[in-house]
Amino acid sequence: MKTGEESASLTERTYGSVRIKIVDIHEAKTQLSQLLATGEEFFIAKASKPIAKVTAIDSPDAGQQKRLGFMKGQFKVPEDFDRIG
């Protein structure tokens, strides 16, 4: 992929205020690492028709992360829980 220029297999379209990057499937195959490194959303197209959308996976918000001890104080373990019957 050419830097600073638009290559023949990379196009950008604007819909309202949204700019969409569209990459030809062959360009995506050879330049996938570079495309992903930008962190930008893009579409992969075959014969100029978008067939896949590539987006970053966001990490969950701090309030949504699982953490140890989240049930602390909500139940009590019986004294004899580890005794064999």
PDB file of N, CA and C in Angstrom:
ATOM      1  N   MET A   1       0.844  -1.174   0.000  1.00  0.00           N
ATOM      2  CA  MET A   1       0.000   0.000   0.000  1.00  0.00           C
ATOM      3  C   MET A   1       0.887   1.233   0.000  1.00  0.00           C
ATOM      4  N   LYS A   2       0.599   2.182  -0.838  1.00  0.00           N
ATOM      5  CA  LYS A   2       1.408   3.381  -0.950  1.00  0.00           C
ATOM      6  C   LYS A   2       1.107   4.331   0.203  1.00  0.00           C
ATOM      7  N   THR A   3       2.146   4.905   0.767  1.00  0.00           N
ATOM      8  CA  THR A   3       1.969   5.850   1.853  1.00  0.00           C
ATOM      9  C   THR A   3       1.791   7.250   1.282  1.00  0.00           C
ATOM     10  N   GLY A   4       0.805   7.975   1.808  1.00  0.00           N
ATOM     11  CA  GLY A   4       0.580   9.342   1.355  1.00  0.00           C
ATOM     12  C   GLY A   4      -0.194   9.449   0.060  1.00  0.00           C
ATOM     13  N   GLU A   5      -0.431   8.331  -0.608  1.00  0.00           N
ATOM     14  CA  GLU A   5      -1.197   8.327  -1.849  1.00  0.00           C
ATOM     15  C   GLU A   5      -2.318   7.313  -1.728  1.00  0.00           C
ATOM     16  N   GLU A   6      -3.281   7.432  -2.585  1.00  0.00           N
ATOM     17  CA  GLU A   6      -4.340   6.451  -2.626  1.00  0.00           C
ATOM     18  C   GLU A   6      -3.995   5.445  -3.715  1.00  0.00           C
ATOM     19  N   SER A   7      -3.848   4.167  -3.353  1.00  0.00           N
ATOM     20  CA  SER A   7      -3.505   3.164  -4.347  1.00  0.00           C
ATOM     21  C   SER A   7      -4.757   2.780  -5.130  1.00  0.00           C
ATOM     22  N   ALA A   8      -4.556   2.054  -6.218  1.00  0.00           N
ATOM     23  CA  ALA A   8      -5.675   1.663  -7.063  1.00  0.00           C
ATOM     24  C   ALA A   8      -6.635   0.735  -6.333  1.00  0.00           C
ATOM     25  N   SER A   9      -6.146  -0.018  -5.340  1.00  0.00           N
ATOM     26  CA  SER A   9      -7.006  -0.970  -4.651  1.00  0.00           C
ATOM     27  C   SER A   9      -7.517  -0.445  -3.312  1.00  0.00           C
ATOM     28  N   LEU A  10      -7.269   0.832  -3.010  1.00  0.00           N
ATOM     29  CA  LEU A  10      -7.759   1.455  -1.783  1.00  0.00           C
ATOM     30  C   LEU A  10      -8.579   2.671  -2.159  1.00  0.00           C
ATOM     31  N   THR A  11      -9.821   2.703  -1.716  1.00  0.00           N
ATOM     32  CA  THR A  11     -10.653   3.870  -1.967  1.00  0.00           C
ATOM     33  C   THR A  11     -11.256   4.326  -0.652  1.00  0.00           C
ATOM     34  N   GLU A  12     -11.596   5.584  -0.603  1.00  0.00           N
ATOM     35  CA  GLU A  12     -12.281   6.134   0.558  1.00  0.00           C
ATOM     36  C   GLU A  12     -13.536   6.826   0.074  1.00  0.00           C
ATOM     37  N   ARG A  13     -14.642   6.499   0.708  1.00  0.00           N
ATOM     38  CA  ARG A  13     -15.915   7.106   0.350  1.00  0.00           C
ATOM     39  C   ARG A  13     -16.452   7.838   1.568  1.00  0.00           C
ATOM     40  N   THR A  14     -17.179   8.897   1.332  1.00  0.00           N
ATOM     41  CA  THR A  14     -17.768   9.666   2.412  1.00  0.00           C
ATOM     42  C   THR A  14     -19.283   9.614   2.285  1.00  0.00           C
ATOM     43  N   TYR A  15     -19.933   9.223   3.377  1.00  0.00           N
ATOM     44  CA  TYR A  15     -21.391   9.193   3.463  1.00  0.00           C
ATOM     45  C   TYR A  15     -21.775  10.128   4.594  1.00  0.00           C
ATOM     46  N   GLY A  16     -22.261  11.299   4.258  1.00  0.00           N
ATOM     47  CA  GLY A  16     -22.547  12.311   5.272  1.00  0.00           C
ATOM     48  C   GLY A  16     -21.234  12.753   5.895  1.00  0.00           C
ATOM     49  N   SER A  17     -21.089  12.545   7.188  1.00  0.00           N
ATOM     50  CA  SER A  17     -19.839  12.902   7.863  1.00  0.00           C
ATOM     51  C   SER A  17     -18.969  11.681   8.127  1.00  0.00           C
ATOM     52  N   VAL A  18     -19.368  10.523   7.610  1.00  0.00           N
ATOM     53  CA  VAL A  18     -18.646   9.273   7.850  1.00  0.00           C
ATOM     54  C   VAL A  18     -17.759   8.939   6.654  1.00  0.00           C
ATOM     55  N   ARG A  19     -16.467   8.773   6.913  1.00  0.00           N
ATOM     56  CA  ARG A  19     -15.516   8.394   5.864  1.00  0.00           C
ATOM     57  C   ARG A  19     -15.255   6.897   5.988  1.00  0.00           C
ATOM     58  N   ILE A  20     -15.412   6.170   4.908  1.00  0.00           N
ATOM     59  CA  ILE A  20     -15.236   4.720   4.912  1.00  0.00           C
ATOM     60  C   ILE A  20     -14.065   4.354   4.010  1.00  0.00           C
ATOM     61  N   LYS A  21     -13.149   3.545   4.571  1.00  0.00           N
ATOM     62  CA  LYS A  21     -12.004   3.056   3.797  1.00  0.00           C
ATOM     63  C   LYS A  21     -12.377   1.682   3.242  1.00  0.00           C
ATOM     64  N   ILE A  22     -12.220   1.517   1.934  1.00  0.00           N
ATOM     65  CA  ILE A  22     -12.524   0.251   1.267  1.00  0.00           C
ATOM     66  C   ILE A  22     -11.246  -0.267   0.619  1.00  0.00           C
ATOM     67  N   VAL A  23     -10.892  -1.514   0.940  1.00  0.00           N
ATOM     68  CA  VAL A  23      -9.654  -2.116   0.455  1.00  0.00           C
ATOM     69  C   VAL A  23     -10.000  -3.350  -0.373  1.00  0.00           C
ATOM     70  N   ASP A  24      -9.369  -3.467  -1.519  1.00  0.00           N
ATOM     71  CA  ASP A  24      -9.551  -4.638  -2.370  1.00  0.00           C
ATOM     72  C   ASP A  24      -9.059  -5.887  -1.625  1.00  0.00           C
ATOM     73  N   ILE A  25      -9.697  -7.014  -1.847  1.00  0.00           N
ATOM     74  CA  ILE A  25      -9.382  -8.244  -1.133  1.00  0.00           C
ATOM     75  C   ILE A  25      -7.917  -8.667  -1.314  1.00  0.00           C
ATOM     76  N   HIS A  26      -7.363  -8.447  -2.475  1.00  0.00           N
ATOM     77  CA  HIS A  26      -5.965  -8.823  -2.719  1.00  0.00           C
ATOM     78  C   HIS A  26      -5.016  -7.906  -1.956  1.00  0.00           C
ATOM     79  N   GLU A  27      -5.343  -6.628  -1.897  1.00  0.00           N
ATOM     80  CA  GLU A  27      -4.546  -5.669  -1.121  1.00  0.00           C
ATOM     81  C   GLU A  27      -4.638  -6.002   0.373  1.00  0.00           C
ATOM     82  N   ALA A  28      -5.826  -6.345   0.826  1.00  0.00           N
ATOM     83  CA  ALA A  28      -6.008  -6.698   2.240  1.00  0.00           C
ATOM     84  C   ALA A  28      -5.182  -7.926   2.598  1.00  0.00           C
ATOM     85  N   LYS A  29      -5.122  -8.874   1.699  1.00  0.00           N
ATOM     86  CA  LYS A  29      -4.359 -10.098   1.949  1.00  0.00           C
ATOM     87  C   LYS A  29      -2.865  -9.799   2.095  1.00  0.00           C
ATOM     88  N   THR A  30      -2.336  -8.949   1.252  1.00  0.00           N
ATOM     89  CA  THR A  30      -0.898  -8.674   1.285  1.00  0.00           C
ATOM     90  C   THR A  30      -0.512  -7.618   2.313  1.00  0.00           C
ATOM     91  N   GLN A  31      -1.431  -6.741   2.690  1.00  0.00           N
ATOM     92  CA  GLN A  31      -1.112  -5.631   3.591  1.00  0.00           C
ATOM     93  C   GLN A  31      -1.900  -5.663   4.897  1.00  0.00           C
ATOM     94  N   LEU A  32      -2.376  -6.833   5.309  1.00  0.00           N
ATOM     95  CA  LEU A  32      -3.255  -6.919   6.475  1.00  0.00           C
ATOM     96  C   LEU A  32      -2.608  -6.354   7.740  1.00  0.00           C
ATOM     97  N   SER A  33      -1.362  -6.673   8.004  1.00  0.00           N
ATOM     98  CA  SER A  33      -0.696  -6.178   9.210  1.00  0.00           C
ATOM     99  C   SER A  33      -0.677  -4.653   9.249  1.00  0.00           C
ATOM    100  N   GLN A  34      -0.351  -4.029   8.133  1.00  0.00           N
ATOM    101  CA  GLN A  34      -0.301  -2.569   8.080  1.00  0.00           C
ATOM    102  C   GLN A  34      -1.691  -1.961   8.238  1.00  0.00           C
ATOM    103  N   LEU A  35      -2.688  -2.581   7.634  1.00  0.00           N
ATOM    104  CA  LEU A  35      -4.057  -2.081   7.757  1.00  0.00           C
ATOM    105  C   LEU A  35      -4.546  -2.159   9.204  1.00  0.00           C
ATOM    106  N   LEU A  36      -4.243  -3.270   9.869  1.00  0.00           N
ATOM    107  CA  LEU A  36      -4.666  -3.431  11.258  1.00  0.00           C
ATOM    108  C   LEU A  36      -3.918  -2.487  12.193  1.00  0.00           C
ATOM    109  N   ALA A  37      -2.672  -2.193  11.872  1.00  0.00           N
ATOM    110  CA  ALA A  37      -1.855  -1.317  12.731  1.00  0.00           C
ATOM    111  C   ALA A  37      -2.419   0.095  12.806  1.00  0.00           C
ATOM    112  N   THR A  38      -3.178   0.515  11.803  1.00  0.00           N
ATOM    113  CA  THR A  38      -3.753   1.862  11.839  1.00  0.00           C
ATOM    114  C   THR A  38      -4.845   1.979  12.889  1.00  0.00           C
ATOM    115  N   GLY A  39      -5.478   0.856  13.233  1.00  0.00           N
ATOM    116  CA  GLY A  39      -6.552   0.880  14.213  1.00  0.00           C
ATOM    117  C   GLY A  39      -7.868   1.408  13.666  1.00  0.00           C
ATOM    118  N   GLU A  40      -7.899   1.723  12.393  1.00  0.00           N
ATOM    119  CA  GLU A  40      -9.107   2.260  11.776  1.00  0.00           C
ATOM    120  C   GLU A  40      -9.990   1.150  11.220  1.00  0.00           C
ATOM    121  N   GLU A  41     -11.275   1.400  11.220  1.00  0.00           N
ATOM    122  CA  GLU A  41     -12.235   0.481  10.624  1.00  0.00           C
ATOM    123  C   GLU A  41     -12.083   0.533   9.108  1.00  0.00           C
ATOM    124  N   PHE A  42     -12.208  -0.626   8.450  1.00  0.00           N
ATOM    125  CA  PHE A  42     -12.183  -0.645   6.984  1.00  0.00           C
ATOM    126  C   PHE A  42     -13.012  -1.799   6.465  1.00  0.00           C
ATOM    127  N   PHE A  43     -13.371  -1.706   5.197  1.00  0.00           N
ATOM    128  CA  PHE A  43     -14.135  -2.744   4.521  1.00  0.00           C
ATOM    129  C   PHE A  43     -13.232  -3.436   3.516  1.00  0.00           C
ATOM    130  N   ILE A  44     -13.428  -4.731   3.358  1.00  0.00           N
ATOM    131  CA  ILE A  44     -12.725  -5.491   2.326  1.00  0.00           C
ATOM    132  C   ILE A  44     -13.732  -5.723   1.199  1.00  0.00           C
ATOM    133  N   ALA A  45     -13.299  -5.423  -0.025  1.00  0.00           N
ATOM    134  CA  ALA A  45     -14.197  -5.529  -1.175  1.00  0.00           C
ATOM    135  C   ALA A  45     -13.668  -6.517  -2.203  1.00  0.00           C
ATOM    136  N   LYS A  46     -14.593  -7.157  -2.886  1.00  0.00           N
ATOM    137  CA  LYS A  46     -14.270  -8.045  -4.007  1.00  0.00           C
ATOM    138  C   LYS A  46     -15.079  -7.541  -5.194  1.00  0.00           C
ATOM    139  N   ALA A  47     -14.396  -7.244  -6.283  1.00  0.00           N
ATOM    140  CA  ALA A  47     -15.039  -6.679  -7.477  1.00  0.00           C
ATOM    141  C   ALA A  47     -15.806  -5.403  -7.111  1.00  0.00           C
ATOM    142  N   SER A  48     -15.185  -4.565  -6.275  1.00  0.00           N
ATOM    143  CA  SER A  48     -15.731  -3.274  -5.832  1.00  0.00           C
ATOM    144  C   SER A  48     -16.974  -3.383  -4.965  1.00  0.00           C
ATOM    145  N   LYS A  49     -17.320  -4.594  -4.525  1.00  0.00           N
ATOM    146  CA  LYS A  49     -18.479  -4.777  -3.660  1.00  0.00           C
ATOM    147  C   LYS A  49     -17.991  -5.157  -2.260  1.00  0.00           C
ATOM    148  N   PRO A  50     -18.295  -4.347  -1.217  1.00  0.00           N
ATOM    149  CA  PRO A  50     -17.858  -4.677   0.144  1.00  0.00           C
ATOM    150  C   PRO A  50     -18.400  -6.032   0.584  1.00  0.00           C
ATOM    151  N   ILE A  51     -17.499  -6.887   1.120  1.00  0.00           N
ATOM    152  CA  ILE A  51     -17.913  -8.216   1.565  1.00  0.00           C
ATOM    153  C   ILE A  51     -17.612  -8.453   3.046  1.00  0.00           C
ATOM    154  N   ALA A  52     -16.769  -7.598   3.653  1.00  0.00           N
ATOM    155  CA  ALA A  52     -16.433  -7.779   5.067  1.00  0.00           C
ATOM    156  C   ALA A  52     -16.089  -6.433   5.684  1.00  0.00           C
ATOM    157  N   LYS A  53     -16.432  -6.297   6.960  1.00  0.00           N
ATOM    158  CA  LYS A  53     -16.110  -5.091   7.716  1.00  0.00           C
ATOM    159  C   LYS A  53     -15.124  -5.484   8.809  1.00  0.00           C
ATOM    160  N   VAL A  54     -14.010  -4.775   8.918  1.00  0.00           N
ATOM    161  CA  VAL A  54     -12.986  -5.075   9.916  1.00  0.00           C
ATOM    162  C   VAL A  54     -12.951  -3.922  10.923  1.00  0.00           C
ATOM    163  N   THR A  55     -13.179  -4.243  12.192  1.00  0.00           N
ATOM    164  CA  THR A  55     -13.163  -3.237  13.251  1.00  0.00           C
ATOM    165  C   THR A  55     -12.328  -3.743  14.421  1.00  0.00           C
ATOM    166  N   ALA A  56     -11.869  -2.827  15.236  1.00  0.00           N
ATOM    167  CA  ALA A  56     -11.108  -3.196  16.429  1.00  0.00           C
ATOM    168  C   ALA A  56     -12.064  -3.717  17.500  1.00  0.00           C
ATOM    169  N   ILE A  57     -11.574  -4.641  18.285  1.00  0.00           N
ATOM    170  CA  ILE A  57     -12.342  -5.142  19.417  1.00  0.00           C
ATOM    171  C   ILE A  57     -11.943  -4.316  20.627  1.00  0.00           C
ATOM    172  N   ASP A  58     -12.891  -3.587  21.163  1.00  0.00           N
ATOM    173  CA  ASP A  58     -12.614  -2.739  22.318  1.00  0.00           C
ATOM    174  C   ASP A  58     -12.598  -3.578  23.589  1.00  0.00           C
ATOM    175  N   SER A  59     -11.737  -3.204  24.519  1.00  0.00           N
ATOM    176  CA  SER A  59     -11.736  -3.881  25.808  1.00  0.00           C
ATOM    177  C   SER A  59     -12.951  -3.389  26.594  1.00  0.00           C
ATOM    178  N   PRO A  60     -13.469  -4.208  27.503  1.00  0.00           N
ATOM    179  CA  PRO A  60     -14.654  -3.789  28.257  1.00  0.00           C
ATOM    180  C   PRO A  60     -14.337  -2.612  29.180  1.00  0.00           C
ATOM    181  N   ASP A  61     -15.371  -1.841  29.495  1.00  0.00           N
ATOM    182  CA  ASP A  61     -15.217  -0.740  30.438  1.00  0.00           C
ATOM    183  C   ASP A  61     -14.821  -1.287  31.804  1.00  0.00           C
ATOM    184  N   ALA A  62     -14.240  -0.438  32.632  1.00  0.00           N
ATOM    185  CA  ALA A  62     -13.787  -0.856  33.958  1.00  0.00           C
ATOM    186  C   ALA A  62     -14.919  -1.484  34.769  1.00  0.00           C
ATOM    187  N   GLY A  63     -16.111  -0.965  34.657  1.00  0.00           N
ATOM    188  CA  GLY A  63     -17.255  -1.506  35.387  1.00  0.00           C
ATOM    189  C   GLY A  63     -17.735  -2.843  34.859  1.00  0.00           C
ATOM    190  N   GLN A  64     -17.332  -3.207  33.649  1.00  0.00           N
ATOM    191  CA  GLN A  64     -17.772  -4.462  33.046  1.00  0.00           C
ATOM    192  C   GLN A  64     -16.752  -5.581  33.202  1.00  0.00           C
ATOM    193  N   GLN A  65     -15.549  -5.277  33.665  1.00  0.00           N
ATOM    194  CA  GLN A  65     -14.514  -6.291  33.794  1.00  0.00           C
ATOM    195  C   GLN A  65     -14.827  -7.211  34.971  1.00  0.00           C
ATOM    196  N   LYS A  66     -14.578  -8.503  34.770  1.00  0.00           N
ATOM    197  CA  LYS A  66     -14.748  -9.454  35.855  1.00  0.00           C
ATOM    198  C   LYS A  66     -13.578  -9.288  36.815  1.00  0.00           C
ATOM    199  N   ARG A  67     -13.856  -9.405  38.095  1.00  0.00           N
ATOM    200  CA  ARG A  67     -12.789  -9.254  39.073  1.00  0.00           C
ATOM    201  C   ARG A  67     -12.997 -10.230  40.218  1.00  0.00           C
ATOM    202  N   LEU A  68     -11.907 -10.586  40.850  1.00  0.00           N
ATOM    203  CA  LEU A  68     -11.981 -11.476  42.002  1.00  0.00           C
ATOM    204  C   LEU A  68     -12.622 -10.743  43.169  1.00  0.00           C
ATOM    205  N   GLY A  69     -13.360 -11.486  43.963  1.00  0.00           N
ATOM    206  CA  GLY A  69     -13.938 -10.920  45.166  1.00  0.00           C
ATOM    207  C   GLY A  69     -15.197 -10.104  44.961  1.00  0.00           C
ATOM    208  N   PHE A  70     -15.808 -10.173  43.787  1.00  0.00           N
ATOM    209  CA  PHE A  70     -16.978  -9.333  43.535  1.00  0.00           C
ATOM    210  C   PHE A  70     -18.203  -9.755  44.363  1.00  0.00           C
ATOM    211  N   MET A  71     -18.174 -10.974  44.953  1.00  0.00           N
ATOM    212  CA  MET A  71     -19.300 -11.436  45.778  1.00  0.00           C
ATOM    213  C   MET A  71     -18.951 -11.411  47.272  1.00  0.00           C
ATOM    214  N   LYS A  72     -17.868 -10.776  47.617  1.00  0.00           N
ATOM    215  CA  LYS A  72     -17.421 -10.734  49.003  1.00  0.00           C
ATOM    216  C   LYS A  72     -18.542 -10.199  49.907  1.00  0.00           C
ATOM    217  N   GLY A  73     -18.787 -10.969  50.992  1.00  0.00           N
ATOM    218  CA  GLY A  73     -19.798 -10.562  51.962  1.00  0.00           C
ATOM    219  C   GLY A  73     -21.218 -10.917  51.591  1.00  0.00           C
ATOM    220  N   GLN A  74     -21.438 -11.527  50.434  1.00  0.00           N
ATOM    221  CA  GLN A  74     -22.796 -11.843  50.008  1.00  0.00           C
ATOM    222  C   GLN A  74     -23.234 -13.259  50.392  1.00  0.00           C
ATOM    223  N   PHE A  75     -22.288 -14.102  50.828  1.00  0.00           N
ATOM    224  CA  PHE A  75     -22.655 -15.425  51.317  1.00  0.00           C
ATOM    225  C   PHE A  75     -21.605 -15.901  52.313  1.00  0.00           C
ATOM    226  N   LYS A  76     -21.964 -16.934  53.083  1.00  0.00           N
ATOM    227  CA  LYS A  76     -21.068 -17.453  54.110  1.00  0.00           C
ATOM    228  C   LYS A  76     -20.814 -18.931  53.835  1.00  0.00           C
ATOM    229  N   VAL A  77     -19.542 -19.330  53.899  1.00  0.00           N
ATOM    230  CA  VAL A  77     -19.156 -20.723  53.692  1.00  0.00           C
ATOM    231  C   VAL A  77     -19.318 -21.456  55.030  1.00  0.00           C
ATOM    232  N   PRO A  78     -20.034 -22.588  55.054  1.00  0.00           N
ATOM    233  CA  PRO A  78     -20.215 -23.334  56.308  1.00  0.00           C
ATOM    234  C   PRO A  78     -18.879 -23.821  56.868  1.00  0.00           C
ATOM    235  N   GLU A  79     -18.804 -23.931  58.189  1.00  0.00           N
ATOM    236  CA  GLU A  79     -17.583 -24.368  58.865  1.00  0.00           C
ATOM    237  C   GLU A  79     -17.137 -25.755  58.391  1.00  0.00           C
ATOM    238  N   ASP A  80     -18.086 -26.652  58.115  1.00  0.00           N
ATOM    239  CA  ASP A  80     -17.751 -28.040  57.770  1.00  0.00           C
ATOM    240  C   ASP A  80     -17.775 -28.317  56.259  1.00  0.00           C
ATOM    241  N   PHE A  81     -17.576 -27.323  55.431  1.00  0.00           N
ATOM    242  CA  PHE A  81     -17.693 -27.534  53.982  1.00  0.00           C
ATOM    243  C   PHE A  81     -16.655 -28.486  53.427  1.00  0.00           C
ATOM    244  N   ASP A  82     -15.514 -28.671  54.103  1.00  0.00           N
ATOM    245  CA  ASP A  82     -14.453 -29.519  53.577  1.00  0.00           C
ATOM    246  C   ASP A  82     -14.377 -30.895  54.243  1.00  0.00           C
ATOM    247  N   ARG A  83     -15.305 -31.234  55.105  1.00  0.00           N
ATOM    248  CA  ARG A  83     -15.331 -32.552  55.750  1.00  0.00           C
ATOM    249  C   ARG A  83     -15.935 -33.587  54.828  1.00  0.00           C
ATOM    250  N   ILE A  84     -15.328 -34.764  54.821  1.00  0.00           N
ATOM    251  CA  ILE A  84     -15.879 -35.853  54.012  1.00  0.00           C
ATOM    252  C   ILE A  84     -16.925 -36.565  54.845  1.00  0.00           C
ATOM    253  N   GLY A  85     -18.119 -36.722  54.252  1.00  0.00           N
ATOM    254  CA  GLY A  85     -19.319 -37.247  54.843  1.00  0.00           C
ATOM    255  C   GLY A  85     -19.155 -38.394  55.700  1.00  0.00           C
TER     256      GLY A  85
END
